[in-house]
PDB file of N, CA and C in Angstrom:
ATOM      1  N   MET A   1    -152.899  25.354  64.578  1.00  0.00           N
ATOM      2  CA  MET A   1    -152.876  26.511  63.701  1.00  0.00           C
ATOM      3  C   MET A   1    -152.870  27.806  64.511  1.00  0.00           C
ATOM      4  N   LEU A   2    -153.673  27.835  65.563  1.00  0.00           N
ATOM      5  CA  LEU A   2    -153.721  29.015  66.418  1.00  0.00           C
ATOM      6  C   LEU A   2    -152.378  29.234  67.113  1.00  0.00           C
ATOM      7  N   TYR A   3    -151.719  28.147  67.499  1.00  0.00           N
ATOM      8  CA  TYR A   3    -150.405  28.234  68.132  1.00  0.00           C
ATOM      9  C   TYR A   3    -149.393  28.874  67.179  1.00  0.00           C
ATOM     10  N   LEU A   4    -149.418  28.473  65.910  1.00  0.00           N
ATOM     11  CA  LEU A   4    -148.503  29.009  64.914  1.00  0.00           C
ATOM     12  C   LEU A   4    -148.749  30.500  64.682  1.00  0.00           C
ATOM     13  N   LEU A   5    -150.013  30.886  64.564  1.00  0.00           N
ATOM     14  CA  LEU A   5    -150.348  32.298  64.360  1.00  0.00           C
ATOM     15  C   LEU A   5    -149.983  33.142  65.577  1.00  0.00           C
ATOM     16  N   THR A   6    -150.181  32.585  66.762  1.00  0.00           N
ATOM     17  CA  THR A   6    -149.824  33.301  67.981  1.00  0.00           C
ATOM     18  C   THR A   6    -148.318  33.508  68.066  1.00  0.00           C
ATOM     19  N   ASN A   7    -147.549  32.483  67.720  1.00  0.00           N
ATOM     20  CA  ASN A   7    -146.089  32.617  67.714  1.00  0.00           C
ATOM     21  C   ASN A   7    -145.628  33.650  66.691  1.00  0.00           C
ATOM     22  N   TRP A   8    -146.286  33.693  65.550  1.00  0.00           N
ATOM     23  CA  TRP A   8    -145.949  34.674  64.521  1.00  0.00           C
ATOM     24  C   TRP A   8    -146.233  36.094  65.021  1.00  0.00           C
ATOM     25  N   PHE A   9    -147.374  36.269  65.671  1.00  0.00           N
ATOM     26  CA  PHE A   9    -147.740  37.560  66.244  1.00  0.00           C
ATOM     27  C   PHE A   9    -146.737  37.974  67.331  1.00  0.00           C
ATOM     28  N   ILE A  10    -146.340  37.037  68.175  1.00  0.00           N
ATOM     29  CA  ILE A  10    -145.373  37.320  69.237  1.00  0.00           C
ATOM     30  C   ILE A  10    -144.021  37.712  68.643  1.00  0.00           C
ATOM     31  N   ALA A  11    -143.603  37.037  67.577  1.00  0.00           N
ATOM     32  CA  ALA A  11    -142.332  37.375  66.930  1.00  0.00           C
ATOM     33  C   ALA A  11    -142.381  38.787  66.351  1.00  0.00           C
ATOM     34  N   ALA A  12    -143.496  39.139  65.732  1.00  0.00           N
ATOM     35  CA  ALA A  12    -143.635  40.488  65.173  1.00  0.00           C
ATOM     36  C   ALA A  12    -143.673  41.539  66.275  1.00  0.00           C
ATOM     37  N   LEU A  13    -144.386  41.259  67.349  1.00  0.00           N
ATOM     38  CA  LEU A  13    -144.441  42.182  68.480  1.00  0.00           C
ATOM     39  C   LEU A  13    -143.056  42.346  69.105  1.00  0.00           C
ATOM     40  N   SER A  14    -142.304  41.266  69.188  1.00  0.00           N
ATOM     41  CA  SER A  14    -140.938  41.330  69.714  1.00  0.00           C
ATOM     42  C   SER A  14    -140.059  42.207  68.837  1.00  0.00           C
ATOM     43  N   LEU A  15    -140.211  42.094  67.520  1.00  0.00           N
ATOM     44  CA  LEU A  15    -139.453  42.954  66.612  1.00  0.00           C
ATOM     45  C   LEU A  15    -139.790  44.422  66.824  1.00  0.00           C
ATOM     46  N   MET A  16    -141.068  44.723  67.035  1.00  0.00           N
ATOM     47  CA  MET A  16    -141.474  46.107  67.275  1.00  0.00           C
ATOM     48  C   MET A  16    -140.857  46.642  68.571  1.00  0.00           C
ATOM     49  N   ILE A  17    -140.833  45.826  69.606  1.00  0.00           N
ATOM     50  CA  ILE A  17    -140.244  46.232  70.883  1.00  0.00           C
ATOM     51  C   ILE A  17    -138.752  46.485  70.721  1.00  0.00           C
ATOM     52  N   VAL A  18    -138.062  45.591  70.025  1.00  0.00           N
ATOM     53  CA  VAL A  18    -136.631  45.752  69.811  1.00  0.00           C
ATOM     54  C   VAL A  18    -136.346  47.020  69.003  1.00  0.00           C
ATOM     55  N   ALA A  19    -137.203  47.321  68.043  1.00  0.00           N
ATOM     56  CA  ALA A  19    -137.011  48.527  67.227  1.00  0.00           C
ATOM     57  C   ALA A  19    -137.117  49.795  68.066  1.00  0.00           C
ATOM     58  N   HIS A  20    -137.907  49.745  69.138  1.00  0.00           N
ATOM     59  CA  HIS A  20    -138.021  50.907  70.017  1.00  0.00           C
ATOM     60  C   HIS A  20    -136.867  51.000  71.009  1.00  0.00           C
ATOM     61  N   VAL A  21    -136.195  49.901  71.269  1.00  0.00           N
ATOM     62  CA  VAL A  21    -135.135  49.872  72.277  1.00  0.00           C
ATOM     63  C   VAL A  21    -133.754  50.089  71.664  1.00  0.00           C
ATOM     64  N   VAL A  22    -133.489  49.497  70.518  1.00  0.00           N
ATOM     65  CA  VAL A  22    -132.154  49.513  69.915  1.00  0.00           C
ATOM     66  C   VAL A  22    -132.086  50.587  68.835  1.00  0.00           C
ATOM     67  N   SER A  23    -131.129  51.499  68.962  1.00  0.00           N
ATOM     68  CA  SER A  23    -130.941  52.480  67.893  1.00  0.00           C
ATOM     69  C   SER A  23    -130.203  51.806  66.739  1.00  0.00           C
ATOM     70  N   GLY A  24    -130.578  52.143  65.530  1.00  0.00           N
ATOM     71  CA  GLY A  24    -130.023  51.478  64.365  1.00  0.00           C
ATOM     72  C   GLY A  24    -130.842  50.285  63.934  1.00  0.00           C
ATOM     73  N   PHE A  25    -131.968  50.077  64.569  1.00  0.00           N
ATOM     74  CA  PHE A  25    -132.866  48.956  64.299  1.00  0.00           C
ATOM     75  C   PHE A  25    -134.241  49.566  64.097  1.00  0.00           C
ATOM     76  N   ALA A  26    -134.805  49.486  62.893  1.00  0.00           N
ATOM     77  CA  ALA A  26    -136.062  50.177  62.611  1.00  0.00           C
ATOM     78  C   ALA A  26    -137.041  49.267  61.881  1.00  0.00           C
ATOM     79  N   VAL A  27    -138.296  49.350  62.290  1.00  0.00           N
ATOM     80  CA  VAL A  27    -139.399  48.647  61.635  1.00  0.00           C
ATOM     81  C   VAL A  27    -140.471  49.678  61.355  1.00  0.00           C
ATOM     82  N   ARG A  28    -140.883  49.805  60.093  1.00  0.00           N
ATOM     83  CA  ARG A  28    -141.804  50.862  59.698  1.00  0.00           C
ATOM     84  C   ARG A  28    -143.197  50.698  60.304  1.00  0.00           C
ATOM     85  N   SER A  29    -143.760  49.489  60.278  1.00  0.00           N
ATOM     86  CA  SER A  29    -145.120  49.282  60.776  1.00  0.00           C
ATOM     87  C   SER A  29    -145.257  47.856  61.290  1.00  0.00           C
ATOM     88  N   PHE A  30    -146.420  47.569  61.880  1.00  0.00           N
ATOM     89  CA  PHE A  30    -146.640  46.214  62.383  1.00  0.00           C
ATOM     90  C   PHE A  30    -146.745  45.220  61.229  1.00  0.00           C
ATOM     91  N   GLY A  31    -147.290  45.648  60.103  1.00  0.00           N
ATOM     92  CA  GLY A  31    -147.333  44.782  58.920  1.00  0.00           C
ATOM     93  C   GLY A  31    -145.939  44.434  58.435  1.00  0.00           C
ATOM     94  N   THR A  32    -145.052  45.409  58.481  1.00  0.00           N
ATOM     95  CA  THR A  32    -143.652  45.161  58.124  1.00  0.00           C
ATOM     96  C   THR A  32    -143.025  44.188  59.116  1.00  0.00           C
ATOM     97  N   ALA A  33    -143.370  44.328  60.390  1.00  0.00           N
ATOM     98  CA  ALA A  33    -142.846  43.415  61.415  1.00  0.00           C
ATOM     99  C   ALA A  33    -143.352  41.994  61.174  1.00  0.00           C
ATOM    100  N   LEU A  34    -144.602  41.855  60.760  1.00  0.00           N
ATOM    101  CA  LEU A  34    -145.131  40.520  60.443  1.00  0.00           C
ATOM    102  C   LEU A  34    -144.370  39.900  59.274  1.00  0.00           C
ATOM    103  N   LEU A  35    -144.147  40.688  58.226  1.00  0.00           N
ATOM    104  CA  LEU A  35    -143.399  40.188  57.068  1.00  0.00           C
ATOM    105  C   LEU A  35    -141.953  39.885  57.451  1.00  0.00           C
ATOM    106  N   ALA A  36    -141.333  40.767  58.234  1.00  0.00           N
ATOM    107  CA  ALA A  36    -139.944  40.558  58.647  1.00  0.00           C
ATOM    108  C   ALA A  36    -139.802  39.308  59.510  1.00  0.00           C
ATOM    109  N   SER A  37    -140.745  39.074  60.413  1.00  0.00           N
ATOM    110  CA  SER A  37    -140.652  37.880  61.257  1.00  0.00           C
ATOM    111  C   SER A  37    -140.826  36.608  60.425  1.00  0.00           C
ATOM    112  N   LEU A  38    -141.653  36.685  59.393  1.00  0.00           N
ATOM    113  CA  LEU A  38    -141.810  35.543  58.491  1.00  0.00           C
ATOM    114  C   LEU A  38    -140.509  35.290  57.718  1.00  0.00           C
ATOM    115  N   VAL A  39    -139.910  36.344  57.210  1.00  0.00           N
ATOM    116  CA  VAL A  39    -138.657  36.207  56.458  1.00  0.00           C
ATOM    117  C   VAL A  39    -137.526  35.737  57.376  1.00  0.00           C
ATOM    118  N   ILE A  40    -137.465  36.261  58.590  1.00  0.00           N
ATOM    119  CA  ILE A  40    -136.448  35.809  59.547  1.00  0.00           C
ATOM    120  C   ILE A  40    -136.602  34.311  59.805  1.00  0.00           C
ATOM    121  N   GLY A  41    -137.816  33.864  59.967  1.00  0.00           N
ATOM    122  CA  GLY A  41    -138.059  32.436  60.177  1.00  0.00           C
ATOM    123  C   GLY A  41    -137.627  31.596  58.991  1.00  0.00           C
ATOM    124  N   LEU A  42    -137.928  32.055  57.779  1.00  0.00           N
ATOM    125  CA  LEU A  42    -137.536  31.314  56.581  1.00  0.00           C
ATOM    126  C   LEU A  42    -136.023  31.314  56.389  1.00  0.00           C
ATOM    127  N   VAL A  43    -135.387  32.452  56.639  1.00  0.00           N
ATOM    128  CA  VAL A  43    -133.931  32.534  56.512  1.00  0.00           C
ATOM    129  C   VAL A  43    -133.262  31.642  57.552  1.00  0.00           C
ATOM    130  N   ASN A  44    -133.785  31.645  58.776  1.00  0.00           N
ATOM    131  CA  ASN A  44    -133.238  30.781  59.831  1.00  0.00           C
ATOM    132  C   ASN A  44    -133.429  29.305  59.501  1.00  0.00           C
ATOM    133  N   ALA A  45    -134.544  28.978  58.875  1.00  0.00           N
ATOM    134  CA  ALA A  45    -134.827  27.576  58.560  1.00  0.00           C
ATOM    135  C   ALA A  45    -133.984  27.061  57.396  1.00  0.00           C
ATOM    136  N   THR A  46    -133.442  27.944  56.579  1.00  0.00           N
ATOM    137  CA  THR A  46    -132.645  27.501  55.434  1.00  0.00           C
ATOM    138  C   THR A  46    -131.168  27.829  55.649  1.00  0.00           C
ATOM    139  N   PHE A  47    -130.829  29.067  55.442  1.00  0.00           N
ATOM    140  CA  PHE A  47    -129.439  29.514  55.540  1.00  0.00           C
ATOM    141  C   PHE A  47    -128.895  29.394  56.962  1.00  0.00           C
ATOM    142  N   GLY A  48    -129.746  29.655  57.950  1.00  0.00           N
ATOM    143  CA  GLY A  48    -129.323  29.597  59.349  1.00  0.00           C
ATOM    144  C   GLY A  48    -128.915  28.205  59.789  1.00  0.00           C
ATOM    145  N   VAL A  49    -129.638  27.208  59.302  1.00  0.00           N
ATOM    146  CA  VAL A  49    -129.307  25.833  59.670  1.00  0.00           C
ATOM    147  C   VAL A  49    -127.926  25.454  59.140  1.00  0.00           C
ATOM    148  N   ILE A  50    -127.643  25.856  57.902  1.00  0.00           N
ATOM    149  CA  ILE A  50    -126.331  25.557  57.318  1.00  0.00           C
ATOM    150  C   ILE A  50    -125.224  26.224  58.121  1.00  0.00           C
ATOM    151  N   LEU A  51    -125.414  27.505  58.472  1.00  0.00           N
ATOM    152  CA  LEU A  51    -124.405  28.216  59.266  1.00  0.00           C
ATOM    153  C   LEU A  51    -124.228  27.596  60.652  1.00  0.00           C
ATOM    154  N   LYS A  52    -125.319  27.191  61.261  1.00  0.00           N
ATOM    155  CA  LYS A  52    -125.226  26.602  62.598  1.00  0.00           C
ATOM    156  C   LYS A  52    -124.478  25.274  62.576  1.00  0.00           C
ATOM    157  N   VAL A  53    -124.665  24.488  61.545  1.00  0.00           N
ATOM    158  CA  VAL A  53    -123.934  23.225  61.432  1.00  0.00           C
ATOM    159  C   VAL A  53    -122.452  23.482  61.165  1.00  0.00           C
ATOM    160  N   LEU A  54    -122.161  24.430  60.267  1.00  0.00           N
ATOM    161  CA  LEU A  54    -120.757  24.713  59.936  1.00  0.00           C
ATOM    162  C   LEU A  54    -119.984  25.325  61.101  1.00  0.00           C
ATOM    163  N   THR A  55    -120.662  26.072  61.948  1.00  0.00           N
ATOM    164  CA  THR A  55    -119.974  26.743  63.062  1.00  0.00           C
ATOM    165  C   THR A  55    -120.192  26.022  64.391  1.00  0.00           C
ATOM    166  N   LEU A  56    -120.606  24.774  64.345  1.00  0.00           N
ATOM    167  CA  LEU A  56    -120.854  24.023  65.577  1.00  0.00           C
ATOM    168  C   LEU A  56    -119.644  23.973  66.514  1.00  0.00           C
ATOM    169  N   PRO A  57    -118.425  23.730  66.023  1.00  0.00           N
ATOM    170  CA  PRO A  57    -117.289  23.722  66.962  1.00  0.00           C
ATOM    171  C   PRO A  57    -117.101  25.062  67.680  1.00  0.00           C
ATOM    172  N   LEU A  58    -117.244  26.164  66.949  1.00  0.00           N
ATOM    173  CA  LEU A  58    -117.104  27.486  67.558  1.00  0.00           C
ATOM    174  C   LEU A  58    -118.240  27.748  68.550  1.00  0.00           C
ATOM    175  N   THR A  59    -119.418  27.279  68.216  1.00  0.00           N
ATOM    176  CA  THR A  59    -120.561  27.424  69.123  1.00  0.00           C
ATOM    177  C   THR A  59    -120.330  26.641  70.411  1.00  0.00           C
ATOM    178  N   LEU A  60    -119.765  25.459  70.302  1.00  0.00           N
ATOM    179  CA  LEU A  60    -119.478  24.661  71.496  1.00  0.00           C
ATOM    180  C   LEU A  60    -118.405  25.313  72.363  1.00  0.00           C
ATOM    181  N   VAL A  61    -117.374  25.869  71.740  1.00  0.00           N
ATOM    182  CA  VAL A  61    -116.295  26.518  72.483  1.00  0.00           C
ATOM    183  C   VAL A  61    -116.807  27.749  73.229  1.00  0.00           C
ATOM    184  N   THR A  62    -117.742  28.480  72.622  1.00  0.00           N
ATOM    185  CA  THR A  62    -118.266  29.700  73.246  1.00  0.00           C
ATOM    186  C   THR A  62    -119.524  29.420  74.078  1.00  0.00           C
ATOM    187  N   PHE A  63    -119.791  28.153  74.335  1.00  0.00           N
ATOM    188  CA  PHE A  63    -120.955  27.744  75.128  1.00  0.00           C
ATOM    189  C   PHE A  63    -122.271  28.277  74.565  1.00  0.00           C
ATOM    190  N   GLY A  64    -122.367  28.325  73.243  1.00  0.00           N
ATOM    191  CA  GLY A  64    -123.595  28.724  72.577  1.00  0.00           C
ATOM    192  C   GLY A  64    -123.729  30.201  72.305  1.00  0.00           C
ATOM    193  N   LEU A  65    -122.807  31.014  72.796  1.00  0.00           N
ATOM    194  CA  LEU A  65    -122.924  32.457  72.593  1.00  0.00           C
ATOM    195  C   LEU A  65    -122.727  32.857  71.130  1.00  0.00           C
ATOM    196  N   PHE A  66    -122.023  32.032  70.359  1.00  0.00           N
ATOM    197  CA  PHE A  66    -121.832  32.355  68.948  1.00  0.00           C
ATOM    198  C   PHE A  66    -123.149  32.311  68.180  1.00  0.00           C
ATOM    199  N   LEU A  67    -124.159  31.655  68.717  1.00  0.00           N
ATOM    200  CA  LEU A  67    -125.472  31.634  68.063  1.00  0.00           C
ATOM    201  C   LEU A  67    -126.067  33.035  67.955  1.00  0.00           C
ATOM    202  N   PHE A  68    -125.712  33.926  68.893  1.00  0.00           N
ATOM    203  CA  PHE A  68    -126.176  35.308  68.780  1.00  0.00           C
ATOM    204  C   PHE A  68    -125.563  35.991  67.561  1.00  0.00           C
ATOM    205  N   VAL A  69    -124.323  35.652  67.237  1.00  0.00           N
ATOM    206  CA  VAL A  69    -123.680  36.206  66.045  1.00  0.00           C
ATOM    207  C   VAL A  69    -124.397  35.701  64.792  1.00  0.00           C
ATOM    208  N   ILE A  70    -124.726  34.424  64.769  1.00  0.00           N
ATOM    209  CA  ILE A  70    -125.460  33.868  63.631  1.00  0.00           C
ATOM    210  C   ILE A  70    -126.835  34.514  63.522  1.00  0.00           C
ATOM    211  N   ASN A  71    -127.514  34.694  64.646  1.00  0.00           N
ATOM    212  CA  ASN A  71    -128.829  35.339  64.615  1.00  0.00           C
ATOM    213  C   ASN A  71    -128.714  36.786  64.150  1.00  0.00           C
ATOM    214  N   ALA A  72    -127.639  37.467  64.512  1.00  0.00           N
ATOM    215  CA  ALA A  72    -127.426  38.835  64.029  1.00  0.00           C
ATOM    216  C   ALA A  72    -127.252  38.838  62.513  1.00  0.00           C
ATOM    217  N   LEU A  73    -126.518  37.876  61.997  1.00  0.00           N
ATOM    218  CA  LEU A  73    -126.357  37.769  60.547  1.00  0.00           C
ATOM    219  C   LEU A  73    -127.694  37.492  59.862  1.00  0.00           C
ATOM    220  N   MET A  74    -128.526  36.671  60.484  1.00  0.00           N
ATOM    221  CA  MET A  74    -129.852  36.384  59.920  1.00  0.00           C
ATOM    222  C   MET A  74    -130.730  37.636  59.915  1.00  0.00           C
ATOM    223  N   LEU A  75    -130.597  38.463  60.951  1.00  0.00           N
ATOM    224  CA  LEU A  75    -131.331  39.730  60.979  1.00  0.00           C
ATOM    225  C   LEU A  75    -130.860  40.650  59.853  1.00  0.00           C
ATOM    226  N   LEU A  76    -129.556  40.687  59.608  1.00  0.00           N
ATOM    227  CA  LEU A  76    -129.030  41.513  58.518  1.00  0.00           C
ATOM    228  C   LEU A  76    -129.509  41.023  57.159  1.00  0.00           C
ATOM    229  N   VAL A  77    -129.556  39.720  56.979  1.00  0.00           N
ATOM    230  CA  VAL A  77    -130.053  39.158  55.719  1.00  0.00           C
ATOM    231  C   VAL A  77    -131.526  39.503  55.537  1.00  0.00           C
ATOM    232  N   ALA A  78    -132.316  39.322  56.590  1.00  0.00           N
ATOM    233  CA  ALA A  78    -133.745  39.633  56.504  1.00  0.00           C
ATOM    234  C   ALA A  78    -133.964  41.120  56.252  1.00  0.00           C
ATOM    235  N   ALA A  79    -133.144  41.970  56.847  1.00  0.00           N
ATOM    236  CA  ALA A  79    -133.281  43.416  56.638  1.00  0.00           C
ATOM    237  C   ALA A  79    -132.951  43.802  55.204  1.00  0.00           C
ATOM    238  N   SER A  80    -132.094  43.050  54.561  1.00  0.00           N
ATOM    239  CA  SER A  80    -131.779  43.349  53.164  1.00  0.00           C
ATOM    240  C   SER A  80    -132.891  42.903  52.222  1.00  0.00           C
ATOM    241  N   ILE A  81    -133.759  42.017  52.691  1.00  0.00           N
ATOM    242  CA  ILE A  81    -134.839  41.496  51.856  1.00  0.00           C
ATOM    243  C   ILE A  81    -136.135  42.279  52.045  1.00  0.00           C
ATOM    244  N   VAL A  82    -136.466  42.616  53.285  1.00  0.00           N
ATOM    245  CA  VAL A  82    -137.764  43.218  53.608  1.00  0.00           C
ATOM    246  C   VAL A  82    -137.671  44.738  53.556  1.00  0.00           C
ATOM    247  N   PRO A  83    -138.472  45.376  52.693  1.00  0.00           N
ATOM    248  CA  PRO A  83    -138.492  46.840  52.695  1.00  0.00           C
ATOM    249  C   PRO A  83    -139.198  47.361  53.954  1.00  0.00           C
ATOM    250  N   GLY A  84    -138.643  48.387  54.551  1.00  0.00           N
ATOM    251  CA  GLY A  84    -139.221  48.941  55.767  1.00  0.00           C
ATOM    252  C   GLY A  84    -138.646  48.355  57.042  1.00  0.00           C
ATOM    253  N   PHE A  85    -137.781  47.363  56.910  1.00  0.00           N
ATOM    254  CA  PHE A  85    -137.088  46.759  58.048  1.00  0.00           C
ATOM    255  C   PHE A  85    -135.607  47.037  57.852  1.00  0.00           C
ATOM    256  N   GLN A  86    -135.024  47.835  58.755  1.00  0.00           N
ATOM    257  CA  GLN A  86    -133.640  48.257  58.595  1.00  0.00           C
ATOM    258  C   GLN A  86    -132.824  47.925  59.834  1.00  0.00           C
ATOM    259  N   VAL A  87    -131.644  47.407  59.586  1.00  0.00           N
ATOM    260  CA  VAL A  87    -130.653  47.203  60.639  1.00  0.00           C
ATOM    261  C   VAL A  87    -129.373  47.831  60.125  1.00  0.00           C
ATOM    262  N   GLU A  88    -128.896  48.834  60.836  1.00  0.00           N
ATOM    263  CA  GLU A  88    -127.761  49.633  60.355  1.00  0.00           C
ATOM    264  C   GLU A  88    -126.447  49.156  60.952  1.00  0.00           C
ATOM    265  N   GLY A  89    -125.980  48.026  60.515  1.00  0.00           N
ATOM    266  CA  GLY A  89    -124.683  47.546  60.950  1.00  0.00           C
ATOM    267  C   GLY A  89    -124.757  46.297  61.800  1.00  0.00           C
ATOM    268  N   PHE A  90    -123.558  45.751  62.056  1.00  0.00           N
ATOM    269  CA  PHE A  90    -123.488  44.488  62.781  1.00  0.00           C
ATOM    270  C   PHE A  90    -123.810  44.635  64.265  1.00  0.00           C
ATOM    271  N   PHE A  91    -123.319  45.688  64.905  1.00  0.00           N
ATOM    272  CA  PHE A  91    -123.531  45.809  66.350  1.00  0.00           C
ATOM    273  C   PHE A  91    -124.992  46.062  66.720  1.00  0.00           C
ATOM    274  N   PRO A  92    -125.737  46.888  65.980  1.00  0.00           N
ATOM    275  CA  PRO A  92    -127.179  46.953  66.249  1.00  0.00           C
ATOM    276  C   PRO A  92    -127.868  45.607  65.998  1.00  0.00           C
ATOM    277  N   ALA A  93    -127.384  44.853  65.005  1.00  0.00           N
ATOM    278  CA  ALA A  93    -127.955  43.531  64.735  1.00  0.00           C
ATOM    279  C   ALA A  93    -127.658  42.569  65.887  1.00  0.00           C
ATOM    280  N   LEU A  94    -126.431  42.625  66.416  1.00  0.00           N
ATOM    281  CA  LEU A  94    -126.066  41.752  67.529  1.00  0.00           C
ATOM    282  C   LEU A  94    -126.861  42.097  68.789  1.00  0.00           C
ATOM    283  N   LEU A  95    -126.941  43.384  69.109  1.00  0.00           N
ATOM    284  CA  LEU A  95    -127.735  43.800  70.266  1.00  0.00           C
ATOM    285  C   LEU A  95    -129.204  43.474  70.045  1.00  0.00           C
ATOM    286  N   GLY A  96    -129.680  43.678  68.821  1.00  0.00           N
ATOM    287  CA  GLY A  96    -131.064  43.341  68.497  1.00  0.00           C
ATOM    288  C   GLY A  96    -131.341  41.856  68.629  1.00  0.00           C
ATOM    289  N   ALA A  97    -130.390  41.016  68.222  1.00  0.00           N
ATOM    290  CA  ALA A  97    -130.566  39.562  68.334  1.00  0.00           C
ATOM    291  C   ALA A  97    -130.652  39.133  69.793  1.00  0.00           C
ATOM    292  N   ILE A  98    -129.823  39.728  70.637  1.00  0.00           N
ATOM    293  CA  ILE A  98    -129.841  39.378  72.063  1.00  0.00           C
ATOM    294  C   ILE A  98    -131.148  39.817  72.706  1.00  0.00           C
ATOM    295  N   ILE A  99    -131.540  41.065  72.458  1.00  0.00           N
ATOM    296  CA  ILE A  99    -132.776  41.573  73.061  1.00  0.00           C
ATOM    297  C   ILE A  99    -133.990  40.868  72.475  1.00  0.00           C
ATOM    298  N   LEU A 100    -133.949  40.560  71.178  1.00  0.00           N
ATOM    299  CA  LEU A 100    -135.052  39.841  70.543  1.00  0.00           C
ATOM    300  C   LEU A 100    -135.245  38.464  71.174  1.00  0.00           C
ATOM    301  N   ALA A 101    -134.163  37.780  71.471  1.00  0.00           N
ATOM    302  CA  ALA A 101    -134.255  36.467  72.114  1.00  0.00           C
ATOM    303  C   ALA A 101    -134.888  36.581  73.500  1.00  0.00           C
ATOM    304  N   VAL A 102    -134.477  37.591  74.262  1.00  0.00           N
ATOM    305  CA  VAL A 102    -135.017  37.769  75.615  1.00  0.00           C
ATOM    306  C   VAL A 102    -136.486  38.163  75.565  1.00  0.00           C
ATOM    307  N   VAL A 103    -136.812  39.140  74.723  1.00  0.00           N
ATOM    308  CA  VAL A 103    -138.191  39.642  74.659  1.00  0.00           C
ATOM    309  C   VAL A 103    -139.138  38.558  74.163  1.00  0.00           C
ATOM    310  N   SER A 104    -138.756  37.847  73.111  1.00  0.00           N
ATOM    311  CA  SER A 104    -139.655  36.817  72.588  1.00  0.00           C
ATOM    312  C   SER A 104    -139.817  35.662  73.581  1.00  0.00           C
ATOM    313  N   THR A 105    -138.768  35.336  74.323  1.00  0.00           N
ATOM    314  CA  THR A 105    -138.886  34.291  75.351  1.00  0.00           C
ATOM    315  C   THR A 105    -139.839  34.724  76.454  1.00  0.00           C
ATOM    316  N   VAL A 106    -139.710  35.965  76.906  1.00  0.00           N
ATOM    317  CA  VAL A 106    -140.595  36.465  77.965  1.00  0.00           C
ATOM    318  C   VAL A 106    -142.039  36.487  77.482  1.00  0.00           C
ATOM    319  N   LEU A 107    -142.270  36.990  76.269  1.00  0.00           N
ATOM    320  CA  LEU A 107    -143.642  37.047  75.749  1.00  0.00           C
ATOM    321  C   LEU A 107    -144.233  35.647  75.547  1.00  0.00           C
ATOM    322  N   ARG A 108    -143.434  34.730  75.035  1.00  0.00           N
ATOM    323  CA  ARG A 108    -143.948  33.359  74.857  1.00  0.00           C
ATOM    324  C   ARG A 108    -144.271  32.716  76.205  1.00  0.00           C
ATOM    325  N   ASN A 109    -143.463  32.978  77.222  1.00  0.00           N
ATOM    326  CA  ASN A 109    -143.751  32.413  78.541  1.00  0.00           C
ATOM    327  C   ASN A 109    -144.971  33.069  79.193  1.00  0.00           C
ATOM    328  N   LEU A 110    -145.260  34.307  78.825  1.00  0.00           N
ATOM    329  CA  LEU A 110    -146.475  34.952  79.338  1.00  0.00           C
ATOM    330  C   LEU A 110    -147.722  34.393  78.655  1.00  0.00           C
ATOM    331  N   VAL A 111    -147.617  34.138  77.355  1.00  0.00           N
ATOM    332  CA  VAL A 111    -148.775  33.669  76.607  1.00  0.00           C
ATOM    333  C   VAL A 111    -148.986  32.163  76.777  1.00  0.00           C
ATOM    334  N   PHE A 112    -147.899  31.405  76.771  1.00  0.00           N
ATOM    335  CA  PHE A 112    -147.963  29.948  76.902  1.00  0.00           C
ATOM    336  C   PHE A 112    -147.247  29.510  78.180  1.00  0.00           C
ATOM    337  N   PRO A 113    -147.903  29.642  79.328  1.00  0.00           N
ATOM    338  CA  PRO A 113    -147.221  29.300  80.598  1.00  0.00           C
ATOM    339  C   PRO A 113    -146.953  27.819  80.765  1.00  0.00           C
TER     340      PRO A 113
END
């Protein structure tokens, strides 16, 4: 249970960091980041899985880089659901998805070595 809560906190903290780095990517507060990270996880677990299966050939051809496009789409979907979480267009979402992956990986490796 503590592992799950820690991962949730790390995801929210990663969203806050990305919001400070990427223009066009905004999170109103840490509470909004917690809600947004929860919604991103739920969207990825449902709609994201379907998209990843349907685009598997394209993902294989691009050596997995197309997953960043799918993650950007998931960020846009989550931003349309969560008030206070805004992503203004596809390119901020794509840059946000890339930086979010790097930041959350670094933070998880710092917390769980």
